[in-house]
Every structure is written in structure tokens, then in C-alpha cells.
Amino acid sequence: MIKMHEIDGISISDINMDSVCLNCRHWQANVQLYGAAKGVICMLTKEHTQPTDTCSQFSPNMTADDLQNPNRYHEKSQKVTVFKRFRF
């Protein structure tokens, strides 16, 4: 059984078993050259996607994505915060 955690109401897996955008290395904050971040996008498609979306090009952030590691948890939490703030 996969242990689940929640970040702002979005459940994500403890060990990156879920192949969703939030766990994918291609899903990154879209920082413009001029101005603030404009949300989180898939760097492959350049589209705004949901944290729970998935596709065939999923690539995990790390081989051992343990949410007990504060840096990994912080990164995911930051992406969700940016996503919610700059949702399109």
C-alpha cells in the first residue's frame, strides 16, 4: 500500500509511485525573463497542466523521491503553491 501525503489538498505518493506531473522532472515553474512566475508548465509541451495529470513521457524527479527529505517536499510544495497562485 502506498502511503499518501497531501500538499494543499493534492495527494501525492511517499516514494514517487504516482506517475503524475507533480512527480515529473519536466513539470517546472515557468519563470519569465521579465516579471514573475506565470504558473507551472510541462517543459516538453510548454503547456499548463494539472499536478495530477500524467502522460507517456513521464520522467521521475529522482529515483528515490522520498518526501521525508525536506528538500524534495519543499520543491513539490513550492510547485503546487505556484500552480494554485498562477492557475490558467
PDB file of N, CA and C in Angstrom:
ATOM      1  N   MET A   1       0.837  -1.183   0.000  1.00  0.00           N
ATOM      2  CA  MET A   1       0.000   0.000   0.000  1.00  0.00           C
ATOM      3  C   MET A   1       0.882   1.247   0.000  1.00  0.00           C
ATOM      4  N   ILE A   2       0.513   2.223  -0.819  1.00  0.00           N
ATOM      5  CA  ILE A   2       1.286   3.452  -0.921  1.00  0.00           C
ATOM      6  C   ILE A   2       0.833   4.432   0.150  1.00  0.00           C
ATOM      7  N   LYS A   3       1.786   4.935   0.909  1.00  0.00           N
ATOM      8  CA  LYS A   3       1.482   5.939   1.914  1.00  0.00           C
ATOM      9  C   LYS A   3       1.309   7.283   1.210  1.00  0.00           C
ATOM     10  N   MET A   4       0.199   7.959   1.485  1.00  0.00           N
ATOM     11  CA  MET A   4      -0.080   9.208   0.793  1.00  0.00           C
ATOM     12  C   MET A   4       0.146  10.414   1.702  1.00  0.00           C
ATOM     13  N   HIS A   5       0.590  11.483   1.090  1.00  0.00           N
ATOM     14  CA  HIS A   5       0.723  12.770   1.766  1.00  0.00           C
ATOM     15  C   HIS A   5      -0.119  13.772   0.999  1.00  0.00           C
ATOM     16  N   GLU A   6      -0.449  14.866   1.639  1.00  0.00           N
ATOM     17  CA  GLU A   6      -1.224  15.901   0.981  1.00  0.00           C
ATOM     18  C   GLU A   6      -0.473  17.213   0.998  1.00  0.00           C
ATOM     19  N   ILE A   7      -0.463  17.899  -0.136  1.00  0.00           N
ATOM     20  CA  ILE A   7       0.054  19.261  -0.222  1.00  0.00           C
ATOM     21  C   ILE A   7      -1.081  20.099  -0.788  1.00  0.00           C
ATOM     22  N   ASP A   8      -1.613  20.992   0.040  1.00  0.00           N
ATOM     23  CA  ASP A   8      -2.721  21.851  -0.385  1.00  0.00           C
ATOM     24  C   ASP A   8      -3.860  21.046  -0.998  1.00  0.00           C
ATOM     25  N   GLY A   9      -4.195  19.920  -0.402  1.00  0.00           N
ATOM     26  CA  GLY A   9      -5.324  19.136  -0.867  1.00  0.00           C
ATOM     27  C   GLY A   9      -5.007  18.189  -2.007  1.00  0.00           C
ATOM     28  N   ILE A  10      -3.768  18.194  -2.502  1.00  0.00           N
ATOM     29  CA  ILE A  10      -3.381  17.288  -3.583  1.00  0.00           C
ATOM     30  C   ILE A  10      -2.581  16.138  -2.982  1.00  0.00           C
ATOM     31  N   SER A  11      -3.109  14.931  -3.095  1.00  0.00           N
ATOM     32  CA  SER A  11      -2.430  13.764  -2.539  1.00  0.00           C
ATOM     33  C   SER A  11      -1.313  13.316  -3.471  1.00  0.00           C
ATOM     34  N   ILE A  12      -0.153  13.093  -2.917  1.00  0.00           N
ATOM     35  CA  ILE A  12       0.978  12.599  -3.697  1.00  0.00           C
ATOM     36  C   ILE A  12       1.611  11.440  -2.950  1.00  0.00           C
ATOM     37  N   SER A  13       2.284  10.564  -3.685  1.00  0.00           N
ATOM     38  CA  SER A  13       2.819   9.367  -3.072  1.00  0.00           C
ATOM     39  C   SER A  13       4.092   9.644  -2.273  1.00  0.00           C
ATOM     40  N   ASP A  14       4.345   8.777  -1.350  1.00  0.00           N
ATOM     41  CA  ASP A  14       5.500   8.903  -0.475  1.00  0.00           C
ATOM     42  C   ASP A  14       6.798   8.608  -1.220  1.00  0.00           C
ATOM     43  N   ILE A  15       6.777   7.686  -2.177  1.00  0.00           N
ATOM     44  CA  ILE A  15       8.015   7.271  -2.838  1.00  0.00           C
ATOM     45  C   ILE A  15       7.948   7.420  -4.349  1.00  0.00           C
ATOM     46  N   ASN A  16       7.158   8.367  -4.800  1.00  0.00           N
ATOM     47  CA  ASN A  16       7.088   8.682  -6.230  1.00  0.00           C
ATOM     48  C   ASN A  16       6.568   7.526  -7.074  1.00  0.00           C
ATOM     49  N   MET A  17       5.590   6.797  -6.547  1.00  0.00           N
ATOM     50  CA  MET A  17       4.987   5.710  -7.312  1.00  0.00           C
ATOM     51  C   MET A  17       3.956   6.235  -8.304  1.00  0.00           C
ATOM     52  N   ASP A  18       3.438   7.445  -8.047  1.00  0.00           N
ATOM     53  CA  ASP A  18       2.439   8.036  -8.930  1.00  0.00           C
ATOM     54  C   ASP A  18       3.124   8.749 -10.083  1.00  0.00           C
ATOM     55  N   SER A  19       2.803   8.354 -11.305  1.00  0.00           N
ATOM     56  CA  SER A  19       3.410   8.966 -12.493  1.00  0.00           C
ATOM     57  C   SER A  19       2.588  10.178 -12.918  1.00  0.00           C
ATOM     58  N   VAL A  20       2.625  11.214 -12.101  1.00  0.00           N
ATOM     59  CA  VAL A  20       1.866  12.429 -12.352  1.00  0.00           C
ATOM     60  C   VAL A  20       2.815  13.605 -12.514  1.00  0.00           C
ATOM     61  N   CYS A  21       2.289  14.692 -13.069  1.00  0.00           N
ATOM     62  CA  CYS A  21       3.114  15.866 -13.353  1.00  0.00           C
ATOM     63  C   CYS A  21       3.877  16.371 -12.131  1.00  0.00           C
ATOM     64  N   LEU A  22       3.236  16.350 -10.970  1.00  0.00           N
ATOM     65  CA  LEU A  22       3.899  16.846  -9.760  1.00  0.00           C
ATOM     66  C   LEU A  22       5.183  16.080  -9.473  1.00  0.00           C
ATOM     67  N   ASN A  23       5.237  14.815  -9.844  1.00  0.00           N
ATOM     68  CA  ASN A  23       6.420  13.986  -9.602  1.00  0.00           C
ATOM     69  C   ASN A  23       7.366  13.941 -10.798  1.00  0.00           C
ATOM     70  N   CYS A  24       7.026  14.686 -11.854  1.00  0.00           N
ATOM     71  CA  CYS A  24       7.797  14.615 -13.095  1.00  0.00           C
ATOM     72  C   CYS A  24       8.816  15.752 -13.189  1.00  0.00           C
ATOM     73  N   ARG A  25       9.999  15.426 -13.673  1.00  0.00           N
ATOM     74  CA  ARG A  25      11.046  16.449 -13.770  1.00  0.00           C
ATOM     75  C   ARG A  25      10.758  17.487 -14.848  1.00  0.00           C
ATOM     76  N   HIS A  26       9.838  17.194 -15.760  1.00  0.00           N
ATOM     77  CA  HIS A  26       9.502  18.152 -16.816  1.00  0.00           C
ATOM     78  C   HIS A  26       8.521  19.225 -16.345  1.00  0.00           C
ATOM     79  N   TRP A  27       7.856  18.993 -15.203  1.00  0.00           N
ATOM     80  CA  TRP A  27       6.866  19.942 -14.695  1.00  0.00           C
ATOM     81  C   TRP A  27       7.575  20.975 -13.838  1.00  0.00           C
ATOM     82  N   GLN A  28       7.778  22.175 -14.372  1.00  0.00           N
ATOM     83  CA  GLN A  28       8.599  23.181 -13.704  1.00  0.00           C
ATOM     84  C   GLN A  28       7.923  24.537 -13.680  1.00  0.00           C
ATOM     85  N   ALA A  29       8.302  25.343 -12.685  1.00  0.00           N
ATOM     86  CA  ALA A  29       7.785  26.707 -12.603  1.00  0.00           C
ATOM     87  C   ALA A  29       8.264  27.477 -13.827  1.00  0.00           C
ATOM     88  N   ASN A  30       7.348  28.180 -14.455  1.00  0.00           N
ATOM     89  CA  ASN A  30       7.633  28.929 -15.678  1.00  0.00           C
ATOM     90  C   ASN A  30       8.016  30.351 -15.303  1.00  0.00           C
ATOM     91  N   VAL A  31       9.304  30.609 -15.153  1.00  0.00           N
ATOM     92  CA  VAL A  31       9.785  31.934 -14.772  1.00  0.00           C
ATOM     93  C   VAL A  31      10.106  32.721 -16.038  1.00  0.00           C
ATOM     94  N   GLN A  32       9.434  33.836 -16.199  1.00  0.00           N
ATOM     95  CA  GLN A  32       9.642  34.682 -17.368  1.00  0.00           C
ATOM     96  C   GLN A  32      10.910  35.521 -17.200  1.00  0.00           C
ATOM     97  N   LEU A  33      11.484  35.952 -18.311  1.00  0.00           N
ATOM     98  CA  LEU A  33      12.656  36.829 -18.246  1.00  0.00           C
ATOM     99  C   LEU A  33      12.294  38.165 -17.606  1.00  0.00           C
ATOM    100  N   TYR A  34      11.087  38.638 -17.897  1.00  0.00           N
ATOM    101  CA  TYR A  34      10.625  39.901 -17.329  1.00  0.00           C
ATOM    102  C   TYR A  34       9.330  39.653 -16.580  1.00  0.00           C
ATOM    103  N   GLY A  35       9.368  39.790 -15.273  1.00  0.00           N
ATOM    104  CA  GLY A  35       8.158  39.588 -14.489  1.00  0.00           C
ATOM    105  C   GLY A  35       8.228  38.343 -13.625  1.00  0.00           C
ATOM    106  N   ALA A  36       7.116  38.105 -12.963  1.00  0.00           N
ATOM    107  CA  ALA A  36       7.053  36.981 -12.015  1.00  0.00           C
ATOM    108  C   ALA A  36       6.734  35.668 -12.708  1.00  0.00           C
ATOM    109  N   ALA A  37       6.758  34.603 -11.938  1.00  0.00           N
ATOM    110  CA  ALA A  37       6.393  33.283 -12.458  1.00  0.00           C
ATOM    111  C   ALA A  37       4.958  33.322 -12.960  1.00  0.00           C
ATOM    112  N   LYS A  38       4.695  32.627 -14.038  1.00  0.00           N
ATOM    113  CA  LYS A  38       3.355  32.594 -14.624  1.00  0.00           C
ATOM    114  C   LYS A  38       2.759  31.202 -14.545  1.00  0.00           C
ATOM    115  N   GLY A  39       3.036  30.525 -13.483  1.00  0.00           N
ATOM    116  CA  GLY A  39       2.488  29.191 -13.314  1.00  0.00           C
ATOM    117  C   GLY A  39       3.532  28.113 -13.512  1.00  0.00           C
ATOM    118  N   VAL A  40       3.066  26.892 -13.536  1.00  0.00           N
ATOM    119  CA  VAL A  40       3.933  25.740 -13.714  1.00  0.00           C
ATOM    120  C   VAL A  40       3.540  25.077 -15.028  1.00  0.00           C
ATOM    121  N   ILE A  41       4.529  24.778 -15.859  1.00  0.00           N
ATOM    122  CA  ILE A  41       4.243  24.192 -17.163  1.00  0.00           C
ATOM    123  C   ILE A  41       5.067  22.925 -17.382  1.00  0.00           C
ATOM    124  N   CYS A  42       4.620  22.126 -18.342  1.00  0.00           N
ATOM    125  CA  CYS A  42       5.408  20.996 -18.801  1.00  0.00           C
ATOM    126  C   CYS A  42       6.465  21.541 -19.754  1.00  0.00           C
ATOM    127  N   MET A  43       7.716  21.311 -19.460  1.00  0.00           N
ATOM    128  CA  MET A  43       8.790  21.854 -20.294  1.00  0.00           C
ATOM    129  C   MET A  43       8.892  21.135 -21.635  1.00  0.00           C
ATOM    130  N   LEU A  44       8.231  19.996 -21.787  1.00  0.00           N
ATOM    131  CA  LEU A  44       8.229  19.291 -23.071  1.00  0.00           C
ATOM    132  C   LEU A  44       7.180  19.871 -24.014  1.00  0.00           C
ATOM    133  N   THR A  45       5.967  20.054 -23.494  1.00  0.00           N
ATOM    134  CA  THR A  45       4.866  20.533 -24.340  1.00  0.00           C
ATOM    135  C   THR A  45       4.675  22.036 -24.267  1.00  0.00           C
ATOM    136  N   LYS A  46       5.285  22.682 -23.253  1.00  0.00           N
ATOM    137  CA  LYS A  46       5.121  24.119 -22.992  1.00  0.00           C
ATOM    138  C   LYS A  46       3.675  24.469 -22.657  1.00  0.00           C
ATOM    139  N   GLU A  47       2.924  23.499 -22.129  1.00  0.00           N
ATOM    140  CA  GLU A  47       1.526  23.706 -21.772  1.00  0.00           C
ATOM    141  C   GLU A  47       1.352  23.711 -20.261  1.00  0.00           C
ATOM    142  N   HIS A  48       0.321  24.428 -19.805  1.00  0.00           N
ATOM    143  CA  HIS A  48      -0.045  24.400 -18.401  1.00  0.00           C
ATOM    144  C   HIS A  48      -0.841  23.128 -18.147  1.00  0.00           C
ATOM    145  N   THR A  49      -0.380  22.336 -17.200  1.00  0.00           N
ATOM    146  CA  THR A  49      -1.049  21.078 -16.878  1.00  0.00           C
ATOM    147  C   THR A  49      -1.369  21.039 -15.392  1.00  0.00           C
ATOM    148  N   GLN A  50      -2.208  20.102 -15.015  1.00  0.00           N
ATOM    149  CA  GLN A  50      -2.577  19.907 -13.612  1.00  0.00           C
ATOM    150  C   GLN A  50      -1.503  19.066 -12.926  1.00  0.00           C
ATOM    151  N   PRO A  51      -1.314  19.239 -11.624  1.00  0.00           N
ATOM    152  CA  PRO A  51      -0.325  18.416 -10.895  1.00  0.00           C
ATOM    153  C   PRO A  51      -0.642  16.929 -10.957  1.00  0.00           C
ATOM    154  N   THR A  52      -1.904  16.592 -11.142  1.00  0.00           N
ATOM    155  CA  THR A  52      -2.310  15.180 -11.148  1.00  0.00           C
ATOM    156  C   THR A  52      -2.404  14.600 -12.554  1.00  0.00           C
ATOM    157  N   ASP A  53      -2.070  15.390 -13.574  1.00  0.00           N
ATOM    158  CA  ASP A  53      -2.069  14.875 -14.947  1.00  0.00           C
ATOM    159  C   ASP A  53      -0.919  13.894 -15.149  1.00  0.00           C
ATOM    160  N   THR A  54      -1.057  13.046 -16.135  1.00  0.00           N
ATOM    161  CA  THR A  54       0.003  12.107 -16.463  1.00  0.00           C
ATOM    162  C   THR A  54       0.091  11.937 -17.977  1.00  0.00           C
ATOM    163  N   CYS A  55       1.245  11.475 -18.455  1.00  0.00           N
ATOM    164  CA  CYS A  55       1.408  11.230 -19.885  1.00  0.00           C
ATOM    165  C   CYS A  55       2.493  10.172 -20.091  1.00  0.00           C
ATOM    166  N   SER A  56       2.678   9.782 -21.330  1.00  0.00           N
ATOM    167  CA  SER A  56       3.634   8.721 -21.639  1.00  0.00           C
ATOM    168  C   SER A  56       5.083   9.176 -21.521  1.00  0.00           C
ATOM    169  N   GLN A  57       5.312  10.482 -21.413  1.00  0.00           N
ATOM    170  CA  GLN A  57       6.680  10.999 -21.329  1.00  0.00           C
ATOM    171  C   GLN A  57       7.096  11.319 -19.901  1.00  0.00           C
ATOM    172  N   PHE A  58       6.352  10.771 -18.940  1.00  0.00           N
ATOM    173  CA  PHE A  58       6.672  10.980 -17.527  1.00  0.00           C
ATOM    174  C   PHE A  58       8.105  10.556 -17.223  1.00  0.00           C
ATOM    175  N   SER A  59       8.808  11.406 -16.498  1.00  0.00           N
ATOM    176  CA  SER A  59      10.169  11.096 -16.061  1.00  0.00           C
ATOM    177  C   SER A  59      10.305  11.548 -14.615  1.00  0.00           C
ATOM    178  N   PRO A  60      10.568  10.630 -13.685  1.00  0.00           N
ATOM    179  CA  PRO A  60      10.583  10.997 -12.265  1.00  0.00           C
ATOM    180  C   PRO A  60      11.673  12.003 -11.919  1.00  0.00           C
ATOM    181  N   ASN A  61      11.376  12.829 -10.926  1.00  0.00           N
ATOM    182  CA  ASN A  61      12.344  13.818 -10.457  1.00  0.00           C
ATOM    183  C   ASN A  61      13.632  13.156  -9.997  1.00  0.00           C
ATOM    184  N   MET A  62      13.479  12.112  -9.206  1.00  0.00           N
ATOM    185  CA  MET A  62      14.633  11.378  -8.677  1.00  0.00           C
ATOM    186  C   MET A  62      14.263   9.905  -8.611  1.00  0.00           C
ATOM    187  N   THR A  63      15.271   9.052  -8.548  1.00  0.00           N
ATOM    188  CA  THR A  63      14.997   7.628  -8.415  1.00  0.00           C
ATOM    189  C   THR A  63      14.467   7.317  -7.022  1.00  0.00           C
ATOM    190  N   ALA A  64      14.895   8.054  -6.037  1.00  0.00           N
ATOM    191  CA  ALA A  64      14.400   7.863  -4.675  1.00  0.00           C
ATOM    192  C   ALA A  64      13.800   9.173  -4.199  1.00  0.00           C
ATOM    193  N   ASP A  65      12.561   9.413  -4.555  1.00  0.00           N
ATOM    194  CA  ASP A  65      11.891  10.665  -4.227  1.00  0.00           C
ATOM    195  C   ASP A  65      11.151  10.520  -2.911  1.00  0.00           C
ATOM    196  N   ASP A  66      11.860  10.648  -1.826  1.00  0.00           N
ATOM    197  CA  ASP A  66      11.316  10.424  -0.504  1.00  0.00           C
ATOM    198  C   ASP A  66      10.835  11.741   0.089  1.00  0.00           C
ATOM    199  N   LEU A  67       9.548  11.820   0.392  1.00  0.00           N
ATOM    200  CA  LEU A  67       9.012  13.060   0.956  1.00  0.00           C
ATOM    201  C   LEU A  67       9.506  13.325   2.376  1.00  0.00           C
ATOM    202  N   GLN A  68      10.175  12.358   2.980  1.00  0.00           N
ATOM    203  CA  GLN A  68      10.776  12.612   4.281  1.00  0.00           C
ATOM    204  C   GLN A  68      11.993  13.523   4.122  1.00  0.00           C
ATOM    205  N   ASN A  69      12.509  13.616   2.891  1.00  0.00           N
ATOM    206  CA  ASN A  69      13.607  14.524   2.604  1.00  0.00           C
ATOM    207  C   ASN A  69      13.008  15.924   2.477  1.00  0.00           C
ATOM    208  N   PRO A  70      13.341  16.854   3.379  1.00  0.00           N
ATOM    209  CA  PRO A  70      12.722  18.185   3.375  1.00  0.00           C
ATOM    210  C   PRO A  70      12.896  18.947   2.055  1.00  0.00           C
ATOM    211  N   ASN A  71      14.015  18.762   1.375  1.00  0.00           N
ATOM    212  CA  ASN A  71      14.242  19.473   0.120  1.00  0.00           C
ATOM    213  C   ASN A  71      13.277  19.009  -0.967  1.00  0.00           C
ATOM    214  N   ARG A  72      13.022  17.696  -1.074  1.00  0.00           N
ATOM    215  CA  ARG A  72      12.097  17.173  -2.070  1.00  0.00           C
ATOM    216  C   ARG A  72      10.667  17.620  -1.747  1.00  0.00           C
ATOM    217  N   TYR A  73      10.300  17.579  -0.485  1.00  0.00           N
ATOM    218  CA  TYR A  73       8.961  18.011  -0.085  1.00  0.00           C
ATOM    219  C   TYR A  73       8.782  19.496  -0.378  1.00  0.00           C
ATOM    220  N   HIS A  74       9.779  20.304  -0.070  1.00  0.00           N
ATOM    221  CA  HIS A  74       9.708  21.748  -0.296  1.00  0.00           C
ATOM    222  C   HIS A  74       9.544  22.060  -1.779  1.00  0.00           C
ATOM    223  N   GLU A  75      10.272  21.344  -2.632  1.00  0.00           N
ATOM    224  CA  GLU A  75      10.181  21.580  -4.073  1.00  0.00           C
ATOM    225  C   GLU A  75       8.770  21.309  -4.580  1.00  0.00           C
ATOM    226  N   LYS A  76       8.186  20.195  -4.174  1.00  0.00           N
ATOM    227  CA  LYS A  76       6.829  19.861  -4.603  1.00  0.00           C
ATOM    228  C   LYS A  76       5.817  20.855  -4.050  1.00  0.00           C
ATOM    229  N   SER A  77       5.988  21.219  -2.796  1.00  0.00           N
ATOM    230  CA  SER A  77       5.085  22.182  -2.180  1.00  0.00           C
ATOM    231  C   SER A  77       5.152  23.525  -2.903  1.00  0.00           C
ATOM    232  N   GLN A  78       6.352  23.950  -3.280  1.00  0.00           N
ATOM    233  CA  GLN A  78       6.529  25.218  -3.993  1.00  0.00           C
ATOM    234  C   GLN A  78       5.849  25.173  -5.366  1.00  0.00           C
ATOM    235  N   LYS A  79       5.990  24.066  -6.074  1.00  0.00           N
ATOM    236  CA  LYS A  79       5.344  23.930  -7.382  1.00  0.00           C
ATOM    237  C   LYS A  79       3.827  24.024  -7.247  1.00  0.00           C
ATOM    238  N   VAL A  80       3.265  23.368  -6.226  1.00  0.00           N
ATOM    239  CA  VAL A  80       1.817  23.407  -6.030  1.00  0.00           C
ATOM    240  C   VAL A  80       1.374  24.822  -5.672  1.00  0.00           C
ATOM    241  N   THR A  81       2.163  25.518  -4.854  1.00  0.00           N
ATOM    242  CA  THR A  81       1.835  26.901  -4.491  1.00  0.00           C
ATOM    243  C   THR A  81       1.819  27.796  -5.720  1.00  0.00           C
ATOM    244  N   VAL A  82       2.837  27.675  -6.570  1.00  0.00           N
ATOM    245  CA  VAL A  82       2.893  28.472  -7.799  1.00  0.00           C
ATOM    246  C   VAL A  82       1.741  28.102  -8.714  1.00  0.00           C
ATOM    247  N   PHE A  83       1.445  26.807  -8.821  1.00  0.00           N
ATOM    248  CA  PHE A  83       0.339  26.340  -9.653  1.00  0.00           C
ATOM    249  C   PHE A  83      -0.974  26.976  -9.210  1.00  0.00           C
ATOM    250  N   LYS A  84      -1.248  26.955  -7.912  1.00  0.00           N
ATOM    251  CA  LYS A  84      -2.507  27.486  -7.394  1.00  0.00           C
ATOM    252  C   LYS A  84      -2.575  29.003  -7.550  1.00  0.00           C
ATOM    253  N   ARG A  85      -1.450  29.667  -7.424  1.00  0.00           N
ATOM    254  CA  ARG A  85      -1.427  31.136  -7.490  1.00  0.00           C
ATOM    255  C   ARG A  85      -1.590  31.656  -8.914  1.00  0.00           C
ATOM    256  N   PHE A  86      -0.983  30.958  -9.870  1.00  0.00           N
ATOM    257  CA  PHE A  86      -0.984  31.415 -11.259  1.00  0.00           C
ATOM    258  C   PHE A  86      -1.704  30.430 -12.172  1.00  0.00           C
ATOM    259  N   ARG A  87      -2.809  29.895 -11.694  1.00  0.00           N
ATOM    260  CA  ARG A  87      -3.585  28.921 -12.476  1.00  0.00           C
ATOM    261  C   ARG A  87      -4.190  29.595 -13.710  1.00  0.00           C
ATOM    262  N   PHE A  88      -4.141  28.892 -14.827  1.00  0.00           N
ATOM    263  CA  PHE A  88      -4.691  29.441 -16.074  1.00  0.00           C
ATOM    264  C   PHE A  88      -5.972  28.733 -16.419  1.00  0.00           C
TER     265      PHE A  88
END
